[in-house]
Amino acid sequence: MTFTPERWVRRRWSPGQRAGSGTARRQSGGTSRASRGRPRAARRPIPERAWGARRVAIVASAVVLCAGMGFVVSKASRWALGDEQFPLSRLTVAGNRLLTEDEVLELTGLDLGTNLLSIDIADVEEAVEASPRVERARAARVLPDEIVVRLDERDPAAIVATGGGAWIEVTEDGLVLPSVERTSSVDVPLITGAVGAFDPDAAAASAEVVAVLEMLGEAMRVSPALWMEISEVRIAPGSGLVIYTVADGAEIRVGSGALDSRGLRRLWMVLEDLRRRGGEVESMDLGFRNQVVVRLKSGSTRGSF
């Protein structure tokens, strides 16, 4: 039997063979559309040659799309990291008291003009924290052209005048801080005299300086006002320590060894008492047991404390 396309279409898509159409409805007692006399246009099938052409077109489009996406992905990082985009032009420093922005930039090792997106923030923080002057550093990238570095600096407790003419900042625990541009503006006590053998490149202060630092730290704990009153501590070979005050430049002879907390409290009590009376101290000697010898600029007095 020969099938024409029309007969083949009717046999394939007759209403009785469609899922959910007339056959199923007749089985359930319903009435099919065909039985109601409504003619239904037959859908012409897509010839196999047309399907083949469509498959080729779909596959070709997919290949082109994948190739395009691959090209974009491969180039995206280069476009984003191109030196012509996001060049570093500013380094902003926060929390710094003694370090300048130029000095922090030098610590980071960064060059202005470097691609901002290629900078490793962790490396920047590590480089800055390598300086003895920095206790902690936190860096952040700010598009399009800025790095912000926030610092916690180590506080110097004193400045040591060495025999070579150098001025060295030291922390309370004896850590030597490298000299910076603003070192001369630091407002802390000065340690002079026989400071021992150490230079600006040393990692820690000498034993003589450490003893003075311990006394200064104890003075701060006794009274911050007493610490502020100490202008200079001179290490005098053979005669112990000599303290010079800020208010009147008084010379206070401590004797052998540094003052402990008891001796510092006694010193501060005497100074406060004399200041209340309006006296200006020229010198003071704490080398006597339970006694302080004071020379005022208008005479001398002796008292037991």
C-alpha atoms as a PDB file:
ATOM      1  CA  MET A   1       0.000   0.000   0.000  1.00  0.00           C
ATOM      2  CA  THR A   2       1.324   3.379  -0.946  1.00  0.00           C
ATOM      3  CA  PHE A   3       1.111   6.233   1.594  1.00  0.00           C
ATOM      4  CA  THR A   4       0.844   9.751   0.442  1.00  0.00           C
ATOM      5  CA  PRO A   5       2.124  12.455   2.816  1.00  0.00           C
ATOM      6  CA  GLU A   6      -1.433  13.466   3.550  1.00  0.00           C
ATOM      7  CA  ARG A   7      -2.510   9.951   4.498  1.00  0.00           C
ATOM      8  CA  TRP A   8       0.676   9.521   6.597  1.00  0.00           C
ATOM      9  CA  VAL A   9      -0.132  12.698   8.478  1.00  0.00           C
ATOM     10  CA  ARG A  10      -3.662  11.607   9.135  1.00  0.00           C
ATOM     11  CA  ARG A  11      -2.585   8.178  10.336  1.00  0.00           C
ATOM     12  CA  ARG A  12       0.037   9.702  12.688  1.00  0.00           C
ATOM     13  CA  TRP A  13      -1.944  12.592  14.072  1.00  0.00           C
ATOM     14  CA  SER A  14      -5.503  11.327  13.946  1.00  0.00           C
ATOM     15  CA  PRO A  15      -7.527  12.641  16.866  1.00  0.00           C
ATOM     16  CA  GLY A  16      -8.009   9.182  18.300  1.00  0.00           C
ATOM     17  CA  GLN A  17      -4.242   8.603  18.720  1.00  0.00           C
ATOM     18  CA  ARG A  18      -3.288  11.865  20.508  1.00  0.00           C
ATOM     19  CA  ALA A  19      -2.676  11.542  24.202  1.00  0.00           C
ATOM     20  CA  GLY A  20      -5.640  12.788  26.167  1.00  0.00           C
ATOM     21  CA  SER A  21      -7.735  13.306  23.014  1.00  0.00           C
ATOM     22  CA  GLY A  22     -10.843  11.578  21.559  1.00  0.00           C
ATOM     23  CA  THR A  23      -9.894   7.945  22.309  1.00  0.00           C
ATOM     24  CA  ALA A  24      -9.345   8.562  25.979  1.00  0.00           C
ATOM     25  CA  ARG A  25     -12.469  10.642  26.202  1.00  0.00           C
ATOM     26  CA  ARG A  26     -14.544   8.026  24.453  1.00  0.00           C
ATOM     27  CA  GLN A  27     -13.255   5.446  26.942  1.00  0.00           C
ATOM     28  CA  SER A  28     -14.412   7.665  29.762  1.00  0.00           C
ATOM     29  CA  GLY A  29     -17.713   8.404  28.127  1.00  0.00           C
ATOM     30  CA  GLY A  30     -16.795  11.810  26.766  1.00  0.00           C
ATOM     31  CA  THR A  31     -17.180  13.168  23.295  1.00  0.00           C
ATOM     32  CA  SER A  32     -14.120  13.869  21.151  1.00  0.00           C
ATOM     33  CA  ARG A  33     -13.618  16.999  19.157  1.00  0.00           C
ATOM     34  CA  ALA A  34     -13.682  14.954  15.948  1.00  0.00           C
ATOM     35  CA  SER A  35     -17.041  13.421  16.879  1.00  0.00           C
ATOM     36  CA  ARG A  36     -18.437  16.924  17.319  1.00  0.00           C
ATOM     37  CA  GLY A  37     -17.562  17.635  13.739  1.00  0.00           C
ATOM     38  CA  ARG A  38     -14.881  20.251  14.341  1.00  0.00           C
ATOM     39  CA  PRO A  39     -12.178  19.828  11.727  1.00  0.00           C
ATOM     40  CA  ARG A  40      -8.596  20.104  13.047  1.00  0.00           C
ATOM     41  CA  ALA A  41      -5.736  21.230  10.866  1.00  0.00           C
ATOM     42  CA  ALA A  42      -3.019  18.656  10.584  1.00  0.00           C
ATOM     43  CA  ARG A  43       0.530  19.686  11.644  1.00  0.00           C
ATOM     44  CA  ARG A  44       3.019  19.094   8.937  1.00  0.00           C
ATOM     45  CA  PRO A  45       6.082  17.223  10.128  1.00  0.00           C
ATOM     46  CA  ILE A  46       9.542  18.734   9.802  1.00  0.00           C
ATOM     47  CA  PRO A  47      11.456  16.797   7.186  1.00  0.00           C
ATOM     48  CA  GLU A  48      14.587  15.011   8.347  1.00  0.00           C
ATOM     49  CA  ARG A  49      16.773  17.226   6.181  1.00  0.00           C
ATOM     50  CA  ALA A  50      15.426  20.338   7.943  1.00  0.00           C
ATOM     51  CA  TRP A  51      16.081  18.780  11.356  1.00  0.00           C
ATOM     52  CA  GLY A  52      19.623  18.014  10.330  1.00  0.00           C
ATOM     53  CA  ALA A  53      20.222  21.594   9.219  1.00  0.00           C
ATOM     54  CA  ARG A  54      18.834  22.911  12.497  1.00  0.00           C
ATOM     55  CA  ARG A  55      21.060  20.610  14.537  1.00  0.00           C
ATOM     56  CA  VAL A  56      24.113  21.797  12.635  1.00  0.00           C
ATOM     57  CA  ALA A  57      23.128  25.431  13.216  1.00  0.00           C
ATOM     58  CA  ILE A  58      22.560  24.860  16.953  1.00  0.00           C
ATOM     59  CA  VAL A  59      25.883  23.049  17.392  1.00  0.00           C
ATOM     60  CA  ALA A  60      27.717  25.736  15.422  1.00  0.00           C
ATOM     61  CA  SER A  61      26.140  28.492  17.522  1.00  0.00           C
ATOM     62  CA  ALA A  62      27.109  26.695  20.745  1.00  0.00           C
ATOM     63  CA  VAL A  63      30.697  26.328  19.555  1.00  0.00           C
ATOM     64  CA  VAL A  64      30.903  30.016  18.654  1.00  0.00           C
ATOM     65  CA  LEU A  65      29.363  31.029  22.012  1.00  0.00           C
ATOM     66  CA  CYS A  66      31.777  28.849  24.006  1.00  0.00           C
ATOM     67  CA  ALA A  67      34.743  30.161  22.042  1.00  0.00           C
ATOM     68  CA  GLY A  68      33.629  33.748  22.689  1.00  0.00           C
ATOM     69  CA  MET A  69      33.184  33.136  26.403  1.00  0.00           C
ATOM     70  CA  GLY A  70      36.598  31.505  26.602  1.00  0.00           C
ATOM     71  CA  PHE A  71      38.171  34.508  24.916  1.00  0.00           C
ATOM     72  CA  VAL A  72      36.465  36.930  27.321  1.00  0.00           C
ATOM     73  CA  VAL A  73      37.512  34.911  30.385  1.00  0.00           C
ATOM     74  CA  SER A  74      41.092  34.620  29.181  1.00  0.00           C
ATOM     75  CA  LYS A  75      41.332  38.369  28.586  1.00  0.00           C
ATOM     76  CA  ALA A  76      39.350  39.573  31.626  1.00  0.00           C
ATOM     77  CA  SER A  77      42.214  39.291  34.081  1.00  0.00           C
ATOM     78  CA  ARG A  78      44.528  41.164  31.751  1.00  0.00           C
ATOM     79  CA  TRP A  79      41.975  43.908  31.207  1.00  0.00           C
ATOM     80  CA  ALA A  80      41.371  44.209  34.967  1.00  0.00           C
ATOM     81  CA  LEU A  81      45.060  44.144  35.854  1.00  0.00           C
ATOM     82  CA  GLY A  82      46.260  46.373  33.067  1.00  0.00           C
ATOM     83  CA  ASP A  83      48.735  48.986  34.264  1.00  0.00           C
ATOM     84  CA  GLU A  84      46.712  51.666  32.546  1.00  0.00           C
ATOM     85  CA  GLN A  85      43.846  50.955  34.971  1.00  0.00           C
ATOM     86  CA  PHE A  86      43.904  51.615  38.773  1.00  0.00           C
ATOM     87  CA  PRO A  87      47.506  52.895  39.127  1.00  0.00           C
ATOM     88  CA  LEU A  88      48.520  53.624  42.735  1.00  0.00           C
ATOM     89  CA  SER A  89      48.797  57.385  43.147  1.00  0.00           C
ATOM     90  CA  ARG A  90      48.147  57.930  46.874  1.00  0.00           C
ATOM     91  CA  LEU A  91      49.211  56.323  50.143  1.00  0.00           C
ATOM     92  CA  THR A  92      47.189  57.585  53.111  1.00  0.00           C
ATOM     93  CA  VAL A  93      48.485  56.898  56.623  1.00  0.00           C
ATOM     94  CA  ALA A  94      46.313  57.047  59.757  1.00  0.00           C
ATOM     95  CA  GLY A  95      47.313  56.723  63.413  1.00  0.00           C
ATOM     96  CA  ASN A  96      50.895  57.830  62.835  1.00  0.00           C
ATOM     97  CA  ARG A  97      52.452  60.263  65.299  1.00  0.00           C
ATOM     98  CA  LEU A  98      56.122  60.158  64.361  1.00  0.00           C
ATOM     99  CA  LEU A  99      56.335  58.310  61.053  1.00  0.00           C
ATOM    100  CA  THR A 100      55.601  60.435  57.999  1.00  0.00           C
ATOM    101  CA  GLU A 101      53.666  59.202  54.952  1.00  0.00           C
ATOM    102  CA  ASP A 102      56.870  59.135  52.899  1.00  0.00           C
ATOM    103  CA  GLU A 103      58.563  56.969  55.535  1.00  0.00           C
ATOM    104  CA  VAL A 104      55.616  54.563  55.584  1.00  0.00           C
ATOM    105  CA  LEU A 105      55.657  54.402  51.770  1.00  0.00           C
ATOM    106  CA  GLU A 106      59.322  53.453  51.960  1.00  0.00           C
ATOM    107  CA  LEU A 107      58.496  50.731  54.494  1.00  0.00           C
ATOM    108  CA  THR A 108      55.833  49.243  52.211  1.00  0.00           C
ATOM    109  CA  GLY A 109      58.250  48.924  49.307  1.00  0.00           C
ATOM    110  CA  LEU A 110      55.532  50.107  46.915  1.00  0.00           C
ATOM    111  CA  ASP A 111      56.111  52.352  43.932  1.00  0.00           C
ATOM    112  CA  LEU A 112      53.560  54.942  42.884  1.00  0.00           C
ATOM    113  CA  GLY A 113      52.041  53.896  39.573  1.00  0.00           C
ATOM    114  CA  THR A 114      51.922  50.211  40.520  1.00  0.00           C
ATOM    115  CA  ASN A 115      48.709  48.489  39.494  1.00  0.00           C
ATOM    116  CA  LEU A 116      46.467  48.679  42.576  1.00  0.00           C
ATOM    117  CA  LEU A 117      44.830  45.296  41.932  1.00  0.00           C
ATOM    118  CA  SER A 118      48.188  43.516  41.795  1.00  0.00           C
ATOM    119  CA  ILE A 119      49.199  44.657  45.308  1.00  0.00           C
ATOM    120  CA  ASP A 120      49.025  41.991  48.039  1.00  0.00           C
ATOM    121  CA  ILE A 121      47.589  43.719  51.127  1.00  0.00           C
ATOM    122  CA  ALA A 122      48.997  41.077  53.509  1.00  0.00           C
ATOM    123  CA  ASP A 123      52.487  41.704  52.121  1.00  0.00           C
ATOM    124  CA  VAL A 124      52.075  45.450  52.706  1.00  0.00           C
ATOM    125  CA  GLU A 125      51.067  44.911  56.352  1.00  0.00           C
ATOM    126  CA  GLU A 126      53.950  42.498  56.936  1.00  0.00           C
ATOM    127  CA  ALA A 127      56.476  44.892  55.415  1.00  0.00           C
ATOM    128  CA  VAL A 128      55.332  47.816  57.587  1.00  0.00           C
ATOM    129  CA  GLU A 129      55.223  45.705  60.773  1.00  0.00           C
ATOM    130  CA  ALA A 130      58.837  44.665  60.151  1.00  0.00           C
ATOM    131  CA  SER A 131      59.836  48.111  61.427  1.00  0.00           C
ATOM    132  CA  PRO A 132      60.553  48.212  65.193  1.00  0.00           C
ATOM    133  CA  ARG A 133      58.581  51.466  65.279  1.00  0.00           C
ATOM    134  CA  VAL A 134      55.338  49.728  64.274  1.00  0.00           C
ATOM    135  CA  GLU A 135      53.455  47.452  66.626  1.00  0.00           C
ATOM    136  CA  ARG A 136      50.606  46.753  64.214  1.00  0.00           C
ATOM    137  CA  ALA A 137      49.653  47.776  60.672  1.00  0.00           C
ATOM    138  CA  ARG A 138      46.357  47.344  58.832  1.00  0.00           C
ATOM    139  CA  ALA A 139      46.169  48.125  55.110  1.00  0.00           C
ATOM    140  CA  ALA A 140      43.201  48.475  52.761  1.00  0.00           C
ATOM    141  CA  ARG A 141      42.816  49.003  49.029  1.00  0.00           C
ATOM    142  CA  VAL A 142      40.547  51.912  48.014  1.00  0.00           C
ATOM    143  CA  LEU A 143      39.665  52.063  44.337  1.00  0.00           C
ATOM    144  CA  PRO A 144      40.585  53.602  42.045  1.00  0.00           C
ATOM    145  CA  ASP A 145      44.068  54.706  43.162  1.00  0.00           C
ATOM    146  CA  GLU A 146      44.664  54.601  46.934  1.00  0.00           C
ATOM    147  CA  ILE A 147      46.143  52.425  49.682  1.00  0.00           C
ATOM    148  CA  VAL A 148      45.204  53.303  53.290  1.00  0.00           C
ATOM    149  CA  VAL A 149      47.535  52.127  56.081  1.00  0.00           C
ATOM    150  CA  ARG A 150      46.485  52.422  59.743  1.00  0.00           C
ATOM    151  CA  LEU A 151      49.290  52.197  62.288  1.00  0.00           C
ATOM    152  CA  ASP A 152      49.745  51.436  65.960  1.00  0.00           C
ATOM    153  CA  GLU A 153      53.183  52.899  66.669  1.00  0.00           C
ATOM    154  CA  ARG A 154      55.434  51.899  69.539  1.00  0.00           C
ATOM    155  CA  ASP A 155      55.836  54.747  72.009  1.00  0.00           C
ATOM    156  CA  PRO A 156      59.365  55.849  72.900  1.00  0.00           C
ATOM    157  CA  ALA A 157      59.968  56.118  76.644  1.00  0.00           C
ATOM    158  CA  ALA A 158      63.200  58.134  76.396  1.00  0.00           C
ATOM    159  CA  ILE A 159      65.820  59.514  74.033  1.00  0.00           C
ATOM    160  CA  VAL A 160      69.418  58.442  74.580  1.00  0.00           C
ATOM    161  CA  ALA A 161      72.262  60.791  73.667  1.00  0.00           C
ATOM    162  CA  THR A 162      75.203  58.643  72.607  1.00  0.00           C
ATOM    163  CA  GLY A 163      78.837  59.634  72.553  1.00  0.00           C
ATOM    164  CA  GLY A 164      78.801  59.712  68.752  1.00  0.00           C
ATOM    165  CA  GLY A 165      76.269  62.543  68.685  1.00  0.00           C
ATOM    166  CA  ALA A 166      73.325  60.322  67.741  1.00  0.00           C
ATOM    167  CA  TRP A 167      69.908  60.608  69.375  1.00  0.00           C
ATOM    168  CA  ILE A 168      68.310  57.212  69.833  1.00  0.00           C
ATOM    169  CA  GLU A 169      64.705  56.581  70.844  1.00  0.00           C
ATOM    170  CA  VAL A 170      64.120  53.589  73.114  1.00  0.00           C
ATOM    171  CA  THR A 171      60.933  51.979  74.371  1.00  0.00           C
ATOM    172  CA  GLU A 172      60.202  51.207  78.017  1.00  0.00           C
ATOM    173  CA  ASP A 173      61.454  47.627  77.581  1.00  0.00           C
ATOM    174  CA  GLY A 174      64.730  48.768  75.956  1.00  0.00           C
ATOM    175  CA  LEU A 175      63.909  48.269  72.283  1.00  0.00           C
ATOM    176  CA  VAL A 176      65.913  50.635  70.079  1.00  0.00           C
ATOM    177  CA  LEU A 177      63.814  52.528  67.540  1.00  0.00           C
ATOM    178  CA  PRO A 178      65.369  53.635  64.245  1.00  0.00           C
ATOM    179  CA  SER A 179      65.703  57.378  63.840  1.00  0.00           C
ATOM    180  CA  VAL A 180      63.035  59.154  61.789  1.00  0.00           C
ATOM    181  CA  GLU A 181      62.460  62.684  60.589  1.00  0.00           C
ATOM    182  CA  ARG A 182      60.420  63.672  63.665  1.00  0.00           C
ATOM    183  CA  THR A 183      62.723  62.168  66.305  1.00  0.00           C
ATOM    184  CA  SER A 184      63.865  65.621  67.420  1.00  0.00           C
ATOM    185  CA  SER A 185      60.265  66.586  68.287  1.00  0.00           C
ATOM    186  CA  VAL A 186      59.683  63.690  70.699  1.00  0.00           C
ATOM    187  CA  ASP A 187      58.719  64.945  74.173  1.00  0.00           C
ATOM    188  CA  VAL A 188      60.179  62.302  76.507  1.00  0.00           C
ATOM    189  CA  PRO A 189      62.971  62.333  79.117  1.00  0.00           C
ATOM    190  CA  LEU A 190      66.550  62.494  77.887  1.00  0.00           C
ATOM    191  CA  ILE A 191      69.182  59.989  79.071  1.00  0.00           C
ATOM    192  CA  THR A 192      72.758  61.267  78.940  1.00  0.00           C
ATOM    193  CA  GLY A 193      76.156  60.520  80.413  1.00  0.00           C
ATOM    194  CA  ALA A 194      77.702  57.056  80.574  1.00  0.00           C
ATOM    195  CA  VAL A 195      75.004  55.321  78.564  1.00  0.00           C
ATOM    196  CA  GLY A 196      77.119  52.296  77.735  1.00  0.00           C
ATOM    197  CA  ALA A 197      78.288  50.946  74.415  1.00  0.00           C
ATOM    198  CA  PHE A 198      75.477  50.769  71.882  1.00  0.00           C
ATOM    199  CA  ASP A 199      74.756  52.505  68.599  1.00  0.00           C
ATOM    200  CA  PRO A 200      71.700  53.330  66.458  1.00  0.00           C
ATOM    201  CA  ASP A 201      71.938  49.925  64.746  1.00  0.00           C
ATOM    202  CA  ALA A 202      71.709  47.997  68.015  1.00  0.00           C
ATOM    203  CA  ALA A 203      68.560  45.996  68.708  1.00  0.00           C
ATOM    204  CA  ALA A 204      68.417  46.720  72.445  1.00  0.00           C
ATOM    205  CA  ALA A 205      69.691  49.343  74.873  1.00  0.00           C
ATOM    206  CA  SER A 206      72.640  48.834  77.204  1.00  0.00           C
ATOM    207  CA  ALA A 207      72.212  47.644  80.802  1.00  0.00           C
ATOM    208  CA  GLU A 208      72.877  51.167  82.117  1.00  0.00           C
ATOM    209  CA  VAL A 209      70.078  52.614  79.994  1.00  0.00           C
ATOM    210  CA  VAL A 210      67.686  49.772  80.864  1.00  0.00           C
ATOM    211  CA  ALA A 211      68.113  50.577  84.589  1.00  0.00           C
ATOM    212  CA  VAL A 212      67.112  54.196  83.933  1.00  0.00           C
ATOM    213  CA  LEU A 213      64.157  53.092  81.814  1.00  0.00           C
ATOM    214  CA  GLU A 214      62.913  50.928  84.666  1.00  0.00           C
ATOM    215  CA  MET A 215      63.094  53.921  87.014  1.00  0.00           C
ATOM    216  CA  LEU A 216      61.204  56.108  84.528  1.00  0.00           C
ATOM    217  CA  GLY A 217      58.529  53.460  84.164  1.00  0.00           C
ATOM    218  CA  GLU A 218      58.155  53.293  87.947  1.00  0.00           C
ATOM    219  CA  ALA A 219      57.917  57.099  88.094  1.00  0.00           C
ATOM    220  CA  MET A 220      54.990  56.959  85.657  1.00  0.00           C
ATOM    221  CA  ARG A 221      53.240  54.432  87.898  1.00  0.00           C
ATOM    222  CA  VAL A 222      53.840  56.566  91.001  1.00  0.00           C
ATOM    223  CA  SER A 223      52.494  59.694  89.278  1.00  0.00           C
ATOM    224  CA  PRO A 224      52.259  60.721  85.620  1.00  0.00           C
ATOM    225  CA  ALA A 225      52.944  64.272  86.827  1.00  0.00           C
ATOM    226  CA  LEU A 226      56.268  63.130  88.319  1.00  0.00           C
ATOM    227  CA  TRP A 227      57.225  61.488  85.015  1.00  0.00           C
ATOM    228  CA  MET A 228      56.358  64.729  83.200  1.00  0.00           C
ATOM    229  CA  GLU A 229      58.565  66.639  85.655  1.00  0.00           C
ATOM    230  CA  ILE A 230      61.681  64.649  84.703  1.00  0.00           C
ATOM    231  CA  SER A 231      63.540  66.427  81.914  1.00  0.00           C
ATOM    232  CA  GLU A 232      66.816  64.497  81.915  1.00  0.00           C
ATOM    233  CA  VAL A 233      68.538  61.640  83.690  1.00  0.00           C
ATOM    234  CA  ARG A 234      72.326  61.707  83.606  1.00  0.00           C
ATOM    235  CA  ILE A 235      74.322  58.576  84.351  1.00  0.00           C
ATOM    236  CA  ALA A 236      77.330  59.876  86.309  1.00  0.00           C
ATOM    237  CA  PRO A 237      80.130  57.339  86.795  1.00  0.00           C
ATOM    238  CA  GLY A 238      81.017  57.008  90.468  1.00  0.00           C
ATOM    239  CA  SER A 239      78.172  59.182  91.769  1.00  0.00           C
ATOM    240  CA  GLY A 240      75.050  57.471  90.484  1.00  0.00           C
ATOM    241  CA  LEU A 241      72.117  59.091  88.742  1.00  0.00           C
ATOM    242  CA  VAL A 242      71.295  62.768  88.499  1.00  0.00           C
ATOM    243  CA  ILE A 243      67.763  63.943  87.625  1.00  0.00           C
ATOM    244  CA  TYR A 244      66.991  67.372  86.165  1.00  0.00           C
ATOM    245  CA  THR A 245      63.491  68.791  86.439  1.00  0.00           C
ATOM    246  CA  VAL A 246      61.457  70.613  83.818  1.00  0.00           C
ATOM    247  CA  ALA A 247      59.983  73.402  85.956  1.00  0.00           C
ATOM    248  CA  ASP A 248      63.112  74.919  87.450  1.00  0.00           C
ATOM    249  CA  GLY A 249      66.009  72.828  86.110  1.00  0.00           C
ATOM    250  CA  ALA A 250      66.787  71.527  89.599  1.00  0.00           C
ATOM    251  CA  GLU A 251      69.608  69.016  89.949  1.00  0.00           C
ATOM    252  CA  ILE A 252      68.475  66.038  92.007  1.00  0.00           C
ATOM    253  CA  ARG A 253      71.216  63.647  93.086  1.00  0.00           C
ATOM    254  CA  VAL A 254      69.859  60.152  93.505  1.00  0.00           C
ATOM    255  CA  GLY A 255      73.048  58.434  94.693  1.00  0.00           C
ATOM    256  CA  SER A 256      74.145  54.955  93.725  1.00  0.00           C
ATOM    257  CA  GLY A 257      71.507  52.917  91.920  1.00  0.00           C
ATOM    258  CA  ALA A 258      68.099  53.977  90.640  1.00  0.00           C
ATOM    259  CA  LEU A 259      65.225  55.075  92.819  1.00  0.00           C
ATOM    260  CA  ASP A 260      62.613  52.479  93.673  1.00  0.00           C
ATOM    261  CA  SER A 261      58.915  53.265  94.080  1.00  0.00           C
ATOM    262  CA  ARG A 262      59.400  54.316  97.725  1.00  0.00           C
ATOM    263  CA  GLY A 263      62.193  56.750  96.845  1.00  0.00           C
ATOM    264  CA  LEU A 264      60.197  58.166  93.940  1.00  0.00           C
ATOM    265  CA  ARG A 265      57.157  58.788  96.133  1.00  0.00           C
ATOM    266  CA  ARG A 266      59.355  60.612  98.622  1.00  0.00           C
ATOM    267  CA  LEU A 267      60.867  62.732  95.830  1.00  0.00           C
ATOM    268  CA  TRP A 268      57.449  63.697  94.496  1.00  0.00           C
ATOM    269  CA  MET A 269      56.141  64.545  97.967  1.00  0.00           C
ATOM    270  CA  VAL A 270      59.066  66.931  98.566  1.00  0.00           C
ATOM    271  CA  LEU A 271      58.724  68.595  95.174  1.00  0.00           C
ATOM    272  CA  GLU A 272      54.985  69.125  95.601  1.00  0.00           C
ATOM    273  CA  ASP A 273      55.466  70.568  99.099  1.00  0.00           C
ATOM    274  CA  LEU A 274      58.142  72.998  97.935  1.00  0.00           C
ATOM    275  CA  ARG A 275      56.093  74.094  94.928  1.00  0.00           C
ATOM    276  CA  ARG A 276      53.079  74.802  97.110  1.00  0.00           C
ATOM    277  CA  ARG A 277      55.272  77.105  99.187  1.00  0.00           C
ATOM    278  CA  GLY A 278      56.445  78.852  96.055  1.00  0.00           C
ATOM    279  CA  GLY A 279      60.048  77.709  96.392  1.00  0.00           C
ATOM    280  CA  GLU A 280      62.324  77.226  93.402  1.00  0.00           C
ATOM    281  CA  VAL A 281      64.654  74.272  93.826  1.00  0.00           C
ATOM    282  CA  GLU A 282      68.275  74.641  92.802  1.00  0.00           C
ATOM    283  CA  SER A 283      69.444  71.217  93.938  1.00  0.00           C
ATOM    284  CA  MET A 284      68.356  68.246  95.992  1.00  0.00           C
ATOM    285  CA  ASP A 285      70.273  65.325  97.479  1.00  0.00           C
ATOM    286  CA  LEU A 286      68.483  62.062  98.190  1.00  0.00           C
ATOM    287  CA  GLY A 287      71.626  60.203  99.231  1.00  0.00           C
ATOM    288  CA  PHE A 288      70.862  60.418 102.967  1.00  0.00           C
ATOM    289  CA  ARG A 289      68.723  57.934 104.873  1.00  0.00           C
ATOM    290  CA  ASN A 290      65.327  59.410 105.755  1.00  0.00           C
ATOM    291  CA  GLN A 291      66.566  62.862 104.947  1.00  0.00           C
ATOM    292  CA  VAL A 292      66.512  65.169 101.928  1.00  0.00           C
ATOM    293  CA  VAL A 293      68.878  68.077 101.548  1.00  0.00           C
ATOM    294  CA  VAL A 294      67.371  70.844  99.418  1.00  0.00           C
ATOM    295  CA  ARG A 295      69.025  74.017  98.184  1.00  0.00           C
ATOM    296  CA  LEU A 296      66.563  76.658  97.084  1.00  0.00           C
ATOM    297  CA  LYS A 297      67.506  79.457  94.771  1.00  0.00           C
ATOM    298  CA  SER A 298      66.991  81.827  97.708  1.00  0.00           C
ATOM    299  CA  GLY A 299      68.848  79.733 100.308  1.00  0.00           C
ATOM    300  CA  SER A 300      69.043  76.184 101.603  1.00  0.00           C
ATOM    301  CA  THR A 301      66.946  74.000 103.836  1.00  0.00           C
ATOM    302  CA  ARG A 302      67.177  70.539 105.312  1.00  0.00           C
ATOM    303  CA  GLY A 303      64.221  68.335 106.193  1.00  0.00           C
ATOM    304  CA  SER A 304      63.340  64.802 107.165  1.00  0.00           C
ATOM    305  CA  PHE A 305      60.901  62.939 104.949  1.00  0.00           C
END
